[in-house]
N, C-alpha and C. Protein backbone atom coordinates (compact mmCIF):
# COMPACT_ATOMS: atom_id res chain seq x y z
N MET A 1 12.16 -17.67 6.21
CA MET A 1 10.65 -18.32 5.98
C MET A 1 10.92 -18.63 4.52
N ASN A 2 10.11 -19.76 4.19
CA ASN A 2 10.14 -20.44 2.75
C ASN A 2 9.17 -19.42 1.75
N PRO A 3 9.64 -18.77 0.93
CA PRO A 3 8.89 -17.85 -0.33
C PRO A 3 7.29 -18.25 -0.03
N LEU A 4 6.90 -19.74 -0.15
CA LEU A 4 5.66 -20.07 -0.62
C LEU A 4 5.13 -19.79 0.86
N ASN A 5 5.44 -19.70 2.43
CA ASN A 5 4.82 -19.41 3.33
C ASN A 5 4.69 -18.17 3.10
N LYS A 6 5.12 -17.17 2.97
CA LYS A 6 5.14 -16.22 2.89
C LYS A 6 3.95 -15.74 2.23
N ILE A 7 4.20 -16.29 1.01
CA ILE A 7 2.81 -16.20 -0.33
C ILE A 7 1.37 -16.35 0.65
N ILE A 8 1.56 -17.58 0.88
CA ILE A 8 0.24 -18.28 2.03
C ILE A 8 -0.04 -17.16 2.78
N PHE A 9 0.74 -16.98 3.65
CA PHE A 9 0.49 -15.80 4.67
C PHE A 9 -0.30 -14.36 4.08
N LEU A 10 0.56 -13.96 2.98
CA LEU A 10 0.12 -12.76 2.89
C LEU A 10 -1.00 -13.03 1.97
N SER A 11 -1.36 -13.88 1.45
CA SER A 11 -2.49 -14.23 0.95
C SER A 11 -3.96 -14.33 1.54
N ALA A 12 -3.94 -14.85 2.80
CA ALA A 12 -4.80 -15.04 4.10
C ALA A 12 -4.72 -13.69 4.22
N PHE A 13 -3.99 -12.96 4.74
CA PHE A 13 -4.18 -11.68 5.16
C PHE A 13 -4.97 -10.72 4.72
N LEU A 14 -4.49 -10.76 3.32
CA LEU A 14 -5.15 -9.66 2.13
C LEU A 14 -6.87 -10.15 2.18
N ALA A 15 -7.08 -11.36 1.79
CA ALA A 15 -8.53 -12.20 2.07
C ALA A 15 -9.33 -11.43 3.25
N PHE A 16 -8.62 -11.42 4.19
CA PHE A 16 -9.08 -10.78 5.16
C PHE A 16 -9.30 -9.68 5.33
N GLY A 17 -8.61 -8.72 4.49
CA GLY A 17 -8.82 -7.61 4.72
C GLY A 17 -9.94 -7.33 3.38
N PHE A 18 -10.23 -8.26 2.64
CA PHE A 18 -10.92 -7.77 1.63
C PHE A 18 -12.39 -8.26 2.16
N LEU A 19 -12.32 -9.17 2.69
CA LEU A 19 -13.32 -9.74 3.42
C LEU A 19 -14.32 -9.02 4.30
N LEU A 20 -13.36 -7.91 5.17
CA LEU A 20 -13.94 -6.88 5.73
C LEU A 20 -14.67 -5.42 5.22
N ILE A 21 -13.63 -5.24 4.37
CA ILE A 21 -14.31 -4.49 3.18
C ILE A 21 -15.82 -4.74 2.77
N LEU A 22 -15.85 -5.70 2.14
CA LEU A 22 -16.65 -7.00 1.40
C LEU A 22 -18.22 -6.57 2.32
N LEU A 23 -17.89 -7.14 3.93
CA LEU A 23 -19.01 -7.14 4.91
C LEU A 23 -19.65 -5.76 5.37
N SER A 24 -18.73 -4.81 5.35
CA SER A 24 -19.22 -3.58 5.78
C SER A 24 -19.96 -3.20 4.53
N CYS A 25 -19.66 -3.24 3.37
CA CYS A 25 -20.98 -3.24 2.37
C CYS A 25 -22.22 -4.04 2.18
N ALA A 26 -22.10 -5.65 2.70
CA ALA A 26 -22.76 -6.42 2.54
C ALA A 26 -23.74 -6.49 3.84
N LEU A 27 -23.21 -6.18 5.00
CA LEU A 27 -24.17 -6.42 6.06
C LEU A 27 -25.22 -5.12 6.21
N TYR A 28 -24.76 -3.71 5.46
CA TYR A 28 -25.51 -2.81 6.14
C TYR A 28 -26.29 -2.19 4.35
N ASN A 29 -26.19 -3.36 3.64
CA ASN A 29 -26.94 -3.14 2.22
C ASN A 29 -26.49 -1.70 1.73
N ASN A 30 -25.09 -1.45 1.79
CA ASN A 30 -24.70 0.08 1.32
C ASN A 30 -23.30 -0.13 0.55
N TRP A 31 -23.15 0.00 -0.49
CA TRP A 31 -21.99 -0.97 -1.46
C TRP A 31 -21.20 0.65 -1.47
N LYS A 32 -21.69 1.98 -0.77
CA LYS A 32 -20.42 2.82 -1.29
C LYS A 32 -18.88 2.93 -0.25
N PRO A 33 -18.72 2.11 0.80
CA PRO A 33 -17.77 2.03 1.20
C PRO A 33 -16.83 0.89 0.00
N LEU A 34 -17.09 0.47 -1.23
CA LEU A 34 -16.43 -0.82 -2.05
C LEU A 34 -15.06 0.64 -2.19
N TRP A 35 -15.26 1.58 -2.11
CA TRP A 35 -14.22 2.55 -2.91
C TRP A 35 -12.72 2.79 -1.91
N VAL A 36 -13.21 2.17 -0.93
CA VAL A 36 -11.69 2.20 -0.15
C VAL A 36 -10.88 0.77 -0.76
N ILE A 37 -11.68 0.02 -1.40
CA ILE A 37 -10.59 -0.84 -1.79
C ILE A 37 -9.67 -0.38 -3.15
N ALA A 38 -10.60 0.83 -4.00
CA ALA A 38 -9.47 1.15 -5.09
C ALA A 38 -8.49 1.96 -4.29
N ILE A 39 -9.29 3.00 -3.37
CA ILE A 39 -8.33 3.69 -3.08
C ILE A 39 -6.69 3.10 -2.41
N PHE A 40 -7.01 2.27 -1.37
CA PHE A 40 -5.66 1.66 -0.73
C PHE A 40 -5.00 0.43 -1.73
N LEU A 41 -6.03 0.25 -2.65
CA LEU A 41 -4.99 -0.44 -3.83
C LEU A 41 -3.61 0.16 -4.40
N VAL A 42 -4.99 1.13 -5.27
CA VAL A 42 -3.67 2.67 -5.70
C VAL A 42 -2.65 3.19 -4.84
N ALA A 43 -3.16 3.21 -3.53
CA ALA A 43 -1.91 4.02 -2.78
C ALA A 43 -0.49 3.74 -2.81
N PRO A 44 0.20 2.33 -2.95
CA PRO A 44 1.13 2.35 -3.31
C PRO A 44 1.90 2.45 -4.31
N LEU A 45 1.09 2.53 -5.47
CA LEU A 45 1.50 2.76 -6.87
C LEU A 45 2.72 4.17 -7.22
N PRO A 46 2.43 5.13 -6.33
CA PRO A 46 3.41 5.87 -6.92
C PRO A 46 4.68 5.89 -6.01
N ASN A 47 4.90 5.06 -5.31
CA ASN A 47 5.98 4.94 -4.36
C ASN A 47 6.99 4.25 -5.39
N ILE A 48 6.45 3.04 -5.79
CA ILE A 48 6.62 1.75 -6.53
C ILE A 48 6.81 2.40 -7.86
N ILE A 49 6.16 3.50 -8.91
CA ILE A 49 6.41 3.94 -10.38
C ILE A 49 7.42 4.52 -10.05
N LEU A 50 7.39 5.55 -9.08
CA LEU A 50 8.38 6.54 -8.76
C LEU A 50 9.95 6.31 -8.54
N SER A 51 10.18 5.30 -7.69
CA SER A 51 10.98 4.55 -7.07
C SER A 51 11.90 3.59 -8.31
N SER A 52 11.03 3.16 -9.22
CA SER A 52 12.11 2.51 -10.35
C SER A 52 12.48 3.19 -11.03
N ILE A 53 11.56 4.52 -11.31
CA ILE A 53 11.97 5.72 -12.49
C ILE A 53 13.61 6.26 -11.97
N GLU A 54 13.44 6.55 -10.45
CA GLU A 54 14.50 7.04 -10.01
C GLU A 54 15.77 6.15 -10.35
N ASN A 55 15.60 4.41 -9.89
CA ASN A 55 16.78 4.02 -9.56
C ASN A 55 17.21 3.69 -10.72
N ASN A 56 16.63 4.04 -12.17
CA ASN A 56 16.82 3.43 -13.33
C ASN A 56 17.67 4.78 -14.09
N ARG A 57 17.16 6.08 -13.41
CA ARG A 57 17.95 7.09 -14.16
C ARG A 57 19.02 7.39 -13.98
N ASP A 58 20.27 8.14 -14.93
CA ASP A 58 21.62 8.29 -14.27
C ASP A 58 21.80 9.59 -14.25
N ASP A 59 22.78 10.09 -13.70
CA ASP A 59 22.46 11.70 -13.63
C ASP A 59 23.42 12.18 -14.81
N PHE A 60 23.11 13.39 -15.00
CA PHE A 60 23.70 14.19 -16.01
C PHE A 60 25.63 13.71 -16.21
N LEU A 61 26.10 13.54 -17.22
CA LEU A 61 27.25 13.50 -17.64
C LEU A 61 28.09 12.52 -16.36
N THR A 62 27.61 12.06 -15.62
CA THR A 62 28.42 10.72 -14.28
C THR A 62 27.87 9.58 -14.56
N PHE A 63 26.54 9.57 -14.77
CA PHE A 63 26.42 7.92 -15.08
C PHE A 63 26.53 7.30 -14.15
N SER A 64 25.80 7.82 -12.72
CA SER A 64 26.08 7.19 -12.02
C SER A 64 24.46 7.67 -11.26
N ASN A 65 24.16 6.74 -10.53
CA ASN A 65 22.88 6.84 -9.80
C ASN A 65 23.12 6.96 -8.21
N ASP A 66 24.21 6.49 -7.85
CA ASP A 66 24.58 6.82 -6.38
C ASP A 66 24.21 8.10 -5.43
N ARG A 67 23.13 8.84 -5.07
CA ARG A 67 23.00 9.55 -4.88
C ARG A 67 22.87 9.50 -3.37
N GLY A 68 23.55 8.71 -2.29
CA GLY A 68 23.29 8.03 -0.58
C GLY A 68 22.14 8.21 -0.44
N ASN A 69 21.82 8.81 0.68
CA ASN A 69 20.36 8.64 1.50
C ASN A 69 19.71 10.06 1.52
N THR A 70 19.76 11.03 0.60
CA THR A 70 18.91 12.28 0.18
C THR A 70 17.89 11.77 -0.84
N PRO A 71 16.83 12.00 -0.55
CA PRO A 71 15.88 11.56 -1.62
C PRO A 71 15.49 12.76 -3.18
N THR A 72 15.33 12.22 -4.39
CA THR A 72 15.22 13.19 -5.00
C THR A 72 13.80 13.89 -4.91
N PRO A 73 13.74 14.84 -5.57
CA PRO A 73 12.17 15.09 -5.40
C PRO A 73 11.08 14.55 -6.34
N LEU A 74 11.38 13.76 -6.84
CA LEU A 74 10.37 12.36 -7.52
C LEU A 74 10.17 11.74 -6.31
N GLN A 75 10.90 11.10 -5.44
CA GLN A 75 10.60 10.22 -4.56
C GLN A 75 9.93 11.17 -3.30
N GLU A 76 10.00 12.28 -3.45
CA GLU A 76 9.27 13.45 -2.15
C GLU A 76 8.00 13.37 -2.78
N LEU A 77 7.52 13.82 -4.49
CA LEU A 77 6.23 13.96 -4.92
C LEU A 77 5.84 12.19 -4.45
N ALA A 78 6.35 11.38 -4.64
CA ALA A 78 5.68 10.12 -4.64
C ALA A 78 5.03 9.72 -3.47
N LYS A 79 5.82 9.91 -2.27
CA LYS A 79 5.51 10.10 -0.80
C LYS A 79 4.57 11.06 -0.53
N ILE A 80 4.16 11.94 -1.26
CA ILE A 80 3.32 13.09 -0.52
C ILE A 80 2.02 12.37 -1.66
N ILE A 81 1.56 11.86 -2.62
CA ILE A 81 0.61 11.45 -3.37
C ILE A 81 0.50 10.22 -2.48
N THR A 82 1.29 9.34 -1.99
CA THR A 82 0.69 8.26 -1.69
C THR A 82 0.26 8.71 -0.29
N GLY A 83 0.70 9.68 0.55
CA GLY A 83 0.35 10.16 2.04
C GLY A 83 -1.33 10.31 1.81
N PHE A 84 -1.15 11.19 0.74
CA PHE A 84 -2.37 11.79 0.52
C PHE A 84 -3.85 10.54 -0.23
N LEU A 85 -3.42 9.62 -0.47
CA LEU A 85 -4.36 8.43 -0.81
C LEU A 85 -4.41 7.73 0.33
N LEU A 86 -3.75 7.71 1.26
CA LEU A 86 -3.67 7.26 2.34
C LEU A 86 -4.84 7.81 3.14
N VAL A 87 -4.64 9.07 3.62
CA VAL A 87 -5.56 9.80 4.54
C VAL A 87 -7.05 9.87 3.71
N SER A 88 -6.89 9.79 2.40
CA SER A 88 -8.34 10.05 1.66
C SER A 88 -9.24 8.85 2.01
N GLY A 89 -8.09 7.49 1.77
CA GLY A 89 -8.71 6.24 2.33
C GLY A 89 -9.48 6.11 3.85
N ILE A 90 -9.01 7.25 4.54
CA ILE A 90 -9.58 6.55 5.92
C ILE A 90 -10.44 7.92 5.78
N ALA A 91 -9.90 9.06 5.24
CA ALA A 91 -11.52 10.05 5.37
C ALA A 91 -12.46 10.08 4.41
N LEU A 92 -12.55 9.19 3.49
CA LEU A 92 -13.86 8.70 2.68
C LEU A 92 -14.62 8.35 3.11
N PRO A 93 -14.76 7.39 4.39
CA PRO A 93 -15.36 6.40 5.16
C PRO A 93 -16.13 7.35 5.85
N LEU A 94 -15.11 8.17 7.18
CA LEU A 94 -15.34 9.09 7.63
C LEU A 94 -16.40 10.10 7.61
N THR A 95 -16.05 10.73 6.01
CA THR A 95 -17.58 11.45 5.74
C THR A 95 -18.39 10.61 5.29
N MET A 96 -18.12 9.98 4.90
CA MET A 96 -19.97 9.26 4.54
C MET A 96 -20.27 8.92 6.00
N TYR A 97 -19.62 8.47 7.06
CA TYR A 97 -20.33 8.50 7.99
C TYR A 97 -21.01 9.64 8.73
N HIS A 98 -20.37 10.71 8.32
CA HIS A 98 -20.69 11.75 8.81
C HIS A 98 -21.59 12.33 8.12
N THR A 99 -22.15 12.32 7.11
CA THR A 99 -23.23 12.27 6.22
C THR A 99 -24.28 11.51 5.67
N GLN A 100 -23.96 10.41 6.92
CA GLN A 100 -24.72 9.70 7.42
C GLN A 100 -24.94 9.06 5.85
N LEU A 101 -24.35 8.69 5.63
CA LEU A 101 -24.28 8.04 4.09
C LEU A 101 -24.16 6.09 4.54
N ILE A 102 -23.29 5.90 5.34
CA ILE A 102 -22.84 4.30 5.90
C ILE A 102 -23.45 4.66 7.47
N GLY A 103 -23.26 3.24 8.36
CA GLY A 103 -23.27 3.59 9.79
C GLY A 103 -21.62 3.26 10.33
N VAL A 104 -21.75 2.87 11.44
CA VAL A 104 -20.83 3.29 12.45
C VAL A 104 -19.71 1.85 12.22
N GLY A 105 -20.90 0.96 12.23
CA GLY A 105 -19.89 -0.63 11.66
C GLY A 105 -19.53 -0.80 10.48
N SER A 106 -20.10 0.06 9.36
CA SER A 106 -19.20 0.06 8.38
C SER A 106 -18.17 0.86 8.46
N LEU A 107 -18.07 1.70 9.03
CA LEU A 107 -16.93 2.73 9.04
C LEU A 107 -15.79 2.18 9.57
N PHE A 108 -16.21 1.23 10.50
CA PHE A 108 -14.88 0.69 11.19
C PHE A 108 -14.24 -0.48 10.54
N MET A 109 -15.38 -1.24 9.79
CA MET A 109 -15.06 -2.30 9.16
C MET A 109 -14.31 -1.89 7.74
N SER A 110 -14.60 -1.15 7.20
CA SER A 110 -13.73 -0.64 5.89
C SER A 110 -12.54 -0.21 6.41
N VAL A 111 -12.46 0.48 7.21
CA VAL A 111 -10.94 1.57 7.72
C VAL A 111 -10.00 0.43 8.04
N ILE A 112 -10.49 -0.37 8.92
CA ILE A 112 -9.65 -1.56 9.19
C ILE A 112 -9.03 -2.57 8.48
N GLY A 113 -10.24 -2.76 7.25
CA GLY A 113 -10.15 -3.58 6.00
C GLY A 113 -9.02 -3.09 5.21
N GLY A 114 -8.98 -1.74 4.93
CA GLY A 114 -8.55 -0.95 4.09
C GLY A 114 -6.92 -0.29 4.11
N MET A 115 -7.00 -0.88 5.91
CA MET A 115 -5.31 -0.72 6.38
C MET A 115 -4.99 -1.84 6.15
N ILE A 116 -5.59 -2.93 6.69
CA ILE A 116 -4.88 -4.27 5.93
C ILE A 116 -4.70 -4.52 4.70
N VAL A 117 -5.44 -3.96 3.86
CA VAL A 117 -5.32 -4.31 2.75
C VAL A 117 -3.79 -3.62 2.49
N TYR A 118 -3.46 -2.10 2.46
CA TYR A 118 -2.48 -1.24 2.33
C TYR A 118 -1.32 -2.09 3.08
N SER A 119 -1.62 -2.53 4.18
CA SER A 119 -0.46 -3.11 4.85
C SER A 119 -0.18 -4.63 4.84
N ASP A 120 -0.78 -5.25 3.81
CA ASP A 120 -0.39 -6.42 3.37
C ASP A 120 0.28 -6.43 1.71
N ILE A 121 0.01 -5.20 1.05
CA ILE A 121 1.08 -5.10 -0.28
C ILE A 121 2.34 -4.45 0.16
N ILE A 122 2.21 -3.55 1.02
CA ILE A 122 3.47 -3.41 1.89
C ILE A 122 4.27 -4.38 2.56
N VAL A 123 3.81 -5.07 3.31
CA VAL A 123 4.85 -6.50 3.69
C VAL A 123 5.28 -7.09 2.50
N PHE A 124 4.62 -7.34 1.47
CA PHE A 124 4.79 -8.12 0.42
C PHE A 124 5.64 -7.55 -0.37
N ILE A 125 6.07 -5.98 -0.48
CA ILE A 125 6.90 -5.56 -1.14
C ILE A 125 8.56 -5.78 -0.64
N TRP A 126 8.11 -5.49 0.76
CA TRP A 126 9.35 -5.60 1.89
C TRP A 126 9.91 -7.09 1.61
N PHE A 127 9.16 -8.13 2.01
CA PHE A 127 9.47 -9.21 1.80
C PHE A 127 10.28 -9.72 0.27
N PHE A 128 9.78 -9.51 -1.29
CA PHE A 128 10.19 -10.17 -2.01
C PHE A 128 10.74 -8.81 -2.69
N SER A 129 11.16 -8.22 -1.82
CA SER A 129 12.18 -6.95 -2.63
C SER A 129 13.42 -7.56 -2.58
N GLU A 130 14.60 -6.82 -3.93
CA GLU A 130 15.51 -7.79 -4.14
C GLU A 130 17.07 -6.86 -3.37
N HIS A 131 17.07 -7.03 -2.44
CA HIS A 131 18.51 -6.40 -1.15
C HIS A 131 19.77 -7.41 -1.35
N GLU A 132 20.72 -6.42 -2.27
CA GLU A 132 21.77 -7.58 -2.41
C GLU A 132 22.72 -7.38 -1.59
N ASP A 133 22.78 -8.58 -0.33
CA ASP A 133 23.85 -8.11 0.97
C ASP A 133 25.04 -8.27 0.58
N GLU A 134 26.15 -7.80 1.17
CA GLU A 134 27.72 -8.04 0.82
C GLU A 134 27.91 -9.28 1.06
N ASN A 135 27.70 -10.08 1.85
CA ASN A 135 27.73 -11.46 1.97
C ASN A 135 27.16 -12.75 1.16
N ASP A 136 25.87 -11.74 0.33
CA ASP A 136 25.12 -12.61 -0.73
C ASP A 136 26.02 -13.89 -1.23
N ASP A 137 27.26 -13.44 -1.84
CA ASP A 137 27.69 -14.89 -2.23
C ASP A 137 28.39 -16.23 -1.48
N PHE A 138 28.29 -15.73 -0.08
CA PHE A 138 28.52 -16.70 0.73
C PHE A 138 27.11 -17.75 1.58
N ASN A 139 26.22 -16.72 1.29
CA ASN A 139 24.81 -17.50 1.98
C ASN A 139 24.93 -17.02 3.13
N PHE A 140 25.61 -16.02 3.92
CA PHE A 140 25.00 -15.96 4.89
C PHE A 140 23.90 -15.01 5.59
């Protein structure tokens, strides 16, 4: 797939997620579910930041960063923080609905829109990650 087509598809997908969240606020005249955007935009950041730190760090006295498939403690911490943010992004609208701050329509639209925004960010990272293949020199 052409990179330009990927960007167009992902931007349309992202715009649909933002549209759902904004409609959940505007249709019910209650702007409290707007916090879902901030939570789902911040959710992938711990994995991105801590994995880049781990990939650039060398082991003591060996100067190699080949650890195999075992995750490091920093990568595990990033997964925990990301999981906490994802659960918070879903639990916040549920809590607002439970305390009758938002309606059921706003609840569903904000949760679905937030999940679309988060999945779009993950798909963007996956599409444009630089994995060097063994046969990259031969364009296979």
